[in-house]
Protein backbone atom coordinates (compact mmCIF):
# COMPACT_ATOMS: atom_id res chain seq x y z
CA MET A 1 -12.10 6.68 -39.04
CA LYS A 2 -12.50 2.90 -38.74
CA VAL A 3 -8.85 2.53 -39.67
CA ILE A 4 -7.79 4.97 -36.95
CA HIS A 5 -10.00 3.16 -34.45
CA ALA A 6 -8.44 -0.17 -35.40
CA ILE A 7 -4.94 1.29 -35.11
CA ILE A 8 -5.67 2.64 -31.62
CA ILE A 9 -7.00 -0.73 -30.45
CA ALA A 10 -4.06 -2.56 -31.99
CA VAL A 11 -1.54 -0.22 -30.34
CA GLY A 12 -3.33 -0.59 -27.01
CA LEU A 13 -3.33 -4.38 -27.23
CA ILE A 14 0.34 -4.51 -28.22
CA LEU A 15 1.35 -2.22 -25.34
CA ALA A 16 -0.82 -4.06 -22.85
CA ALA A 17 0.60 -7.40 -23.99
CA ALA A 18 4.17 -6.10 -23.80
CA LEU A 19 3.67 -4.65 -20.35
CA TRP A 20 1.94 -7.78 -19.11
CA PHE A 21 4.80 -9.89 -20.47
CA GLY A 22 7.24 -7.67 -18.60
CA LEU A 23 5.26 -8.05 -15.37
CA SER A 24 5.01 -11.82 -15.83
CA PHE A 25 8.73 -12.10 -16.48
CA LEU A 26 9.63 -10.12 -13.36
CA PHE A 27 7.15 -12.07 -11.24
CA ASN A 28 8.60 -15.38 -12.40
CA GLU A 29 12.25 -14.34 -12.31
CA GLN A 30 12.22 -12.37 -9.07
CA GLY A 31 9.58 -14.17 -7.02
CA TYR A 32 7.57 -10.99 -6.39
CA GLY A 33 5.63 -10.97 -3.13
CA SER A 34 8.54 -11.73 -0.83
CA GLY A 35 10.49 -9.17 1.15
CA ALA A 36 13.72 -10.61 -0.21
CA VAL A 37 13.12 -9.42 -3.77
CA ASP A 38 15.70 -6.97 -5.11
CA SER A 39 14.44 -3.41 -4.55
CA GLU A 40 15.19 -2.23 -8.11
CA ALA A 41 13.16 -5.12 -9.47
CA ARG A 42 10.29 -4.10 -7.17
CA ILE A 43 10.36 -0.58 -8.55
CA ASP A 44 10.46 -1.94 -12.10
CA ILE A 45 7.40 -4.06 -11.32
CA GLU A 46 5.47 -1.13 -9.89
CA LEU A 47 6.43 1.04 -12.87
CA LEU A 48 5.27 -1.59 -15.34
CA ARG A 49 2.04 -2.06 -13.41
CA GLN A 50 1.43 1.69 -13.44
CA GLN A 51 2.25 1.95 -17.15
CA LEU A 52 -0.25 -0.81 -17.90
CA GLU A 53 -2.98 0.97 -15.94
CA ASP A 54 -2.13 4.32 -17.57
CA THR A 55 -2.20 2.70 -21.01
CA GLN A 56 -5.64 1.24 -20.37
CA ILE A 57 -6.96 4.64 -19.25
CA LYS A 58 -5.45 6.44 -22.25
CA LEU A 59 -6.83 3.81 -24.63
CA GLU A 60 -10.33 4.28 -23.21
CA ASP A 61 -9.99 8.06 -23.59
CA LEU A 62 -8.86 7.72 -27.19
CA GLU A 63 -11.73 5.38 -28.04
CA LYS A 64 -14.20 7.86 -26.54
CA ALA A 65 -12.64 10.68 -28.57
CA VAL A 66 -12.92 8.67 -31.79
CA ALA A 67 -16.54 7.75 -31.02
CA ALA A 68 -17.38 11.41 -30.40
CA GLN A 69 -15.78 12.42 -33.69
CA SER A 70 -17.70 9.73 -35.58
CA ALA A 71 -20.99 10.91 -34.07
CA SER A 72 -20.45 14.50 -35.21
CA ALA A 73 -20.69 14.75 -38.98
CA ASN A 74 -20.02 18.49 -39.01
CA THR A 75 -16.99 18.50 -36.75
CA VAL A 76 -13.61 17.26 -37.86
CA ALA A 77 -10.85 17.33 -35.31
CA PRO A 78 -7.44 18.51 -36.51
CA ALA A 79 -5.18 15.61 -37.36
CA SER A 80 -2.51 17.06 -35.09
CA ASN A 81 -4.73 16.62 -32.00
CA LEU A 82 -5.16 12.90 -32.60
CA GLN A 83 -1.46 12.58 -33.34
CA ASP A 84 -0.64 14.27 -30.01
CA GLU A 85 -2.85 11.78 -28.16
CA GLU A 86 -1.29 8.83 -29.97
CA ASP A 87 2.18 10.17 -29.17
CA SER A 88 1.15 10.45 -25.53
CA LEU A 89 -0.02 6.85 -25.54
CA LEU A 90 3.29 5.64 -26.92
CA ARG A 91 5.47 7.77 -24.65
CA GLN A 92 7.46 5.79 -22.05
CA THR A 93 9.08 7.09 -18.89
CA GLY A 94 11.76 4.41 -18.62
CA PRO A 95 12.55 2.16 -15.61
CA ASN A 96 15.07 4.57 -14.07
CA ALA A 97 12.76 7.59 -13.98
CA ILE A 98 11.30 6.74 -10.56
CA LEU A 99 14.20 5.06 -8.79
CA ASP A 100 14.16 7.90 -6.26
CA SER A 101 10.42 8.58 -6.32
CA TYR A 102 9.24 6.53 -3.36
CA ALA A 103 6.68 9.20 -2.46
CA GLN A 104 5.12 9.06 -5.93
CA VAL A 105 1.40 8.25 -5.74
CA VAL A 106 0.32 5.15 -7.70
CA LEU A 107 -2.79 3.00 -7.99
CA ILE A 108 -2.99 0.01 -5.63
CA ALA A 109 -3.18 -3.05 -7.86
CA ASP A 110 -5.65 -5.76 -6.77
CA ARG A 111 -5.89 -4.10 -3.36
CA ARG A 112 -8.62 -6.41 -2.04
CA ASN A 113 -6.15 -9.30 -2.14
CA VAL A 114 -3.02 -7.62 -0.76
CA ASN A 115 -3.52 -9.42 2.58
CA ASP A 116 -4.26 -12.81 1.08
CA GLY A 117 -3.67 -15.47 3.73
CA LEU A 118 -3.85 -13.04 6.66
CA LYS A 119 -6.86 -12.01 8.72
CA VAL A 120 -7.43 -8.82 10.68
CA ALA A 121 -7.69 -9.38 14.43
CA GLY A 122 -10.20 -6.59 15.02
CA GLY A 123 -11.27 -4.85 18.21
CA THR A 124 -13.66 -7.57 19.41
CA TYR A 125 -11.09 -10.36 19.01
CA LEU A 126 -8.38 -8.28 20.67
CA SER A 127 -10.69 -7.47 23.56
CA ASP A 128 -11.56 -11.15 24.04
CA LYS A 129 -7.91 -12.22 24.03
CA LEU A 130 -6.23 -9.28 25.80
CA GLY A 131 -8.98 -7.42 27.64
CA ARG A 132 -9.74 -3.77 26.99
CA PRO A 133 -6.80 -1.34 27.14
CA ARG A 134 -8.93 0.92 29.36
CA GLU A 135 -12.61 1.00 30.31
CA ASN A 136 -13.57 4.59 29.57
CA LEU A 137 -12.87 5.69 26.02
CA THR A 138 -13.21 9.03 24.25
CA ASP A 139 -12.35 10.30 20.77
CA GLU A 140 -8.96 11.47 22.07
CA CYS A 141 -5.84 9.40 22.79
CA GLN A 142 -5.53 8.42 26.46
CA SER A 143 -3.18 6.34 28.58
CA MET A 144 -3.46 2.57 28.81
CA THR A 145 -4.74 1.29 32.20
CA ASN A 146 -4.86 -2.47 31.55
CA GLU A 147 -1.98 -3.64 33.78
CA ARG A 148 -1.30 -6.79 31.75
CA LEU A 149 -0.74 -4.73 28.61
CA LYS A 150 0.67 -1.63 30.26
CA ASN A 151 3.63 -3.61 31.60
CA LYS A 152 4.56 -4.67 28.07
CA LEU A 153 4.45 -1.19 26.53
CA VAL A 154 7.78 0.03 25.18
CA LEU A 155 8.80 3.44 23.82
CA GLU A 156 11.75 2.88 21.56
CA GLN A 157 13.58 3.99 18.44
CA VAL A 158 12.90 1.22 15.95
CA GLY A 159 14.85 1.60 12.75
CA PRO A 160 14.05 5.03 11.28
CA ILE A 161 11.09 5.81 13.59
CA ARG A 162 10.28 6.18 17.31
CA VAL A 163 7.16 4.35 18.49
CA ARG A 164 5.30 3.24 21.61
CA MET A 165 3.94 -0.28 21.14
CA LEU A 166 3.65 -3.64 22.88
CA LEU A 167 7.01 -5.42 23.13
CA PRO A 168 6.28 -8.30 20.68
CA ALA A 169 5.19 -5.76 18.06
CA ILE A 170 8.35 -3.74 18.65
CA GLU A 171 10.52 -6.82 18.17
CA SER A 172 8.64 -7.78 15.00
CA LEU A 173 8.94 -4.24 13.66
CA LYS A 174 12.70 -4.40 14.19
CA VAL A 175 12.87 -7.45 11.93
CA VAL A 176 10.77 -5.73 9.26
CA PHE A 177 12.90 -2.58 9.22
CA GLU A 178 16.19 -4.47 9.31
CA ASN A 179 15.12 -6.45 6.23
CA ILE A 180 14.16 -3.20 4.50
CA ARG A 181 17.46 -1.57 5.49
CA LYS A 182 19.47 -4.45 4.01
CA THR A 183 17.44 -4.60 0.81
CA ASP A 184 16.71 -0.94 0.13
CA PRO A 185 18.66 1.51 2.33
CA ASP A 186 17.43 4.53 0.34
CA LEU A 187 13.80 3.68 1.05
CA TYR A 188 14.65 2.87 4.68
CA GLU A 189 15.99 6.38 5.24
CA ARG A 190 12.79 7.98 3.95
CA ILE A 191 10.31 6.13 6.18
CA ASN A 192 8.34 8.31 8.60
CA THR A 193 5.55 7.54 11.08
CA ALA A 194 2.19 9.20 11.61
CA GLY A 195 1.57 7.44 14.94
CA SER A 196 1.39 4.11 16.76
CA LEU A 197 -0.28 3.71 20.20
CA CYS A 198 -3.50 5.70 20.59
CA VAL A 199 -6.01 4.40 23.15
CA ARG A 200 -9.36 5.76 21.99
CA ARG A 201 -12.58 4.57 20.42
CA ILE A 202 -12.94 4.58 16.67
CA ARG A 203 -14.43 7.93 15.77
CA GLY A 204 -18.10 7.67 14.92
CA THR A 205 -18.65 4.69 17.24
CA GLN A 206 -19.73 4.41 20.86
CA ASN A 207 -17.09 2.05 22.17
CA SER A 208 -15.32 0.25 19.32
CA LEU A 209 -11.55 -0.19 19.54
CA SER A 210 -8.92 0.02 16.82
CA THR A 211 -5.68 -1.98 16.80
CA HIS A 212 -3.86 1.29 17.56
CA SER A 213 -5.50 1.19 21.01
CA TYR A 214 -3.47 -1.95 21.79
CA GLY A 215 -0.11 -0.74 20.53
CA LEU A 216 -0.25 -3.32 17.76
CA ALA A 217 -0.48 -0.99 14.75
CA VAL A 218 1.60 1.75 13.18
CA ASP A 219 0.94 4.37 10.49
CA LEU A 220 3.79 5.01 8.05
CA ASN A 221 4.49 7.37 5.18
CA ILE A 222 7.31 8.34 2.87
CA ASP A 223 9.10 11.69 3.28
CA GLY A 224 6.49 12.87 5.78
CA ARG A 225 3.76 13.07 3.13
CA LEU A 226 0.47 11.71 4.45
CA ASP A 227 -1.50 9.42 2.16
CA THR A 228 -5.06 10.37 1.18
CA LEU A 229 -7.51 8.05 2.92
CA GLY A 230 -9.89 6.02 0.77
CA ASP A 231 -8.75 7.06 -2.72
CA GLY A 232 -7.42 3.65 -3.80
CA ARG A 233 -3.94 5.09 -4.31
CA THR A 234 -0.79 5.06 -2.23
CA GLN A 235 2.86 6.01 -2.24
CA LEU A 236 5.14 3.77 -4.26
CA GLY A 237 7.35 3.23 -1.20
CA LEU A 238 4.42 1.87 0.82
CA THR A 239 3.68 -0.78 -1.80
CA ILE A 240 7.27 -1.98 -1.37
CA LEU A 241 7.07 -1.88 2.43
CA ALA A 242 3.87 -3.93 2.37
CA ASP A 243 5.65 -7.12 1.27
CA PHE A 244 8.17 -6.90 4.11
CA PHE A 245 5.36 -6.45 6.63
CA LYS A 246 3.36 -9.33 5.18
CA ASP A 247 6.38 -11.60 5.53
CA GLU A 248 6.27 -10.92 9.28
CA GLY A 249 2.51 -11.39 9.67
CA TRP A 250 1.31 -7.80 9.44
CA VAL A 251 -1.87 -6.71 7.67
CA TRP A 252 -1.79 -3.73 5.29
CA GLY A 253 -4.64 -1.20 5.52
CA ALA A 254 -4.69 -0.85 1.72
CA GLY A 255 -6.94 -3.92 1.68
CA PHE A 256 -9.56 -2.47 4.05
CA GLY A 257 -13.06 -1.60 2.81
CA ARG A 258 -12.03 2.03 3.14
CA GLU A 259 -8.45 1.98 1.93
CA ASP A 260 -5.96 3.16 4.58
CA SER A 261 -2.57 2.39 3.06
CA MET A 262 -0.51 4.17 5.76
CA HIS A 263 -1.80 1.64 8.29
CA PHE A 264 -0.03 -1.62 9.21
CA GLU A 265 -1.28 -3.87 12.01
CA ILE A 266 -0.63 -7.30 13.47
CA SER A 267 -2.71 -10.11 11.96
CA ARG A 268 -4.83 -12.53 13.98
CA ARG A 269 -2.39 -15.32 13.10
CA GLN A 270 0.54 -13.40 14.54
CA LEU A 271 -1.40 -12.43 17.66
CA ASP A 272 -2.36 -16.06 18.29
CA LEU A 273 1.28 -17.10 17.86
CA TRP A 274 2.45 -14.57 20.44
CA LEU A 275 -0.25 -15.68 22.85
CA ALA A 276 0.77 -19.33 22.40
CA GLU A 277 4.41 -18.38 23.05
CA GLY A 278 3.45 -16.45 26.21
CA LYS A 279 4.63 -13.12 24.81
CA LEU A 280 1.28 -11.45 25.55
């Protein structure tokens, strides 16, 4: 049993090391984290990351199974069962298996740091800089009454989606989607929206505002499949989109306390830049 345990640990370490080497190589060679990275390399990176996480989970499960077998002197598991689990651990899907699986749900790696270098503006900061979009708020979406902001609202087809947002956000979104279209046209064609402007208070609060209330946020998904809020997972395509948005100063909701990976909003840095340029 000790030999089997040692073999499992050795296999796990070898696989983890190999996968980590693959990730490190792609990071160094491709400059991961920039919207300009080749889309196939991005998918390879996400696949390797997922394989590493899956391997760690399977290794933990196998170690628990071995520990349970050791603790039970009267129960001997069939050798075929352990062999099946080891075969499962060693099984690989291959880098081309998910080239067209942008809606596949994967774990969000290091999600607390996905917005490193960017800060959320937040309702209070937006209100101080832009005023409130309207005075009386409910839990339902209403029209914007703030004349300063209302005059800059635009309803437009932007890339693959139609949105109503403030003009600077529209122009920035055009840049994001054009970069995606050039780099990964297949992903570009599968982008859908779950909403942009929605002037209302955050549900569960008395008068707090979300960035959606200012037309400075958009919810996206792949193939019309809505992401599950707060589960720490997201669609593979959204992890790719996130880098393009970050390049243009957008914050990804995957890094929020309650993960919301469909959500992209303008960062405080970008808002301040637009204010300094007189765009808002």
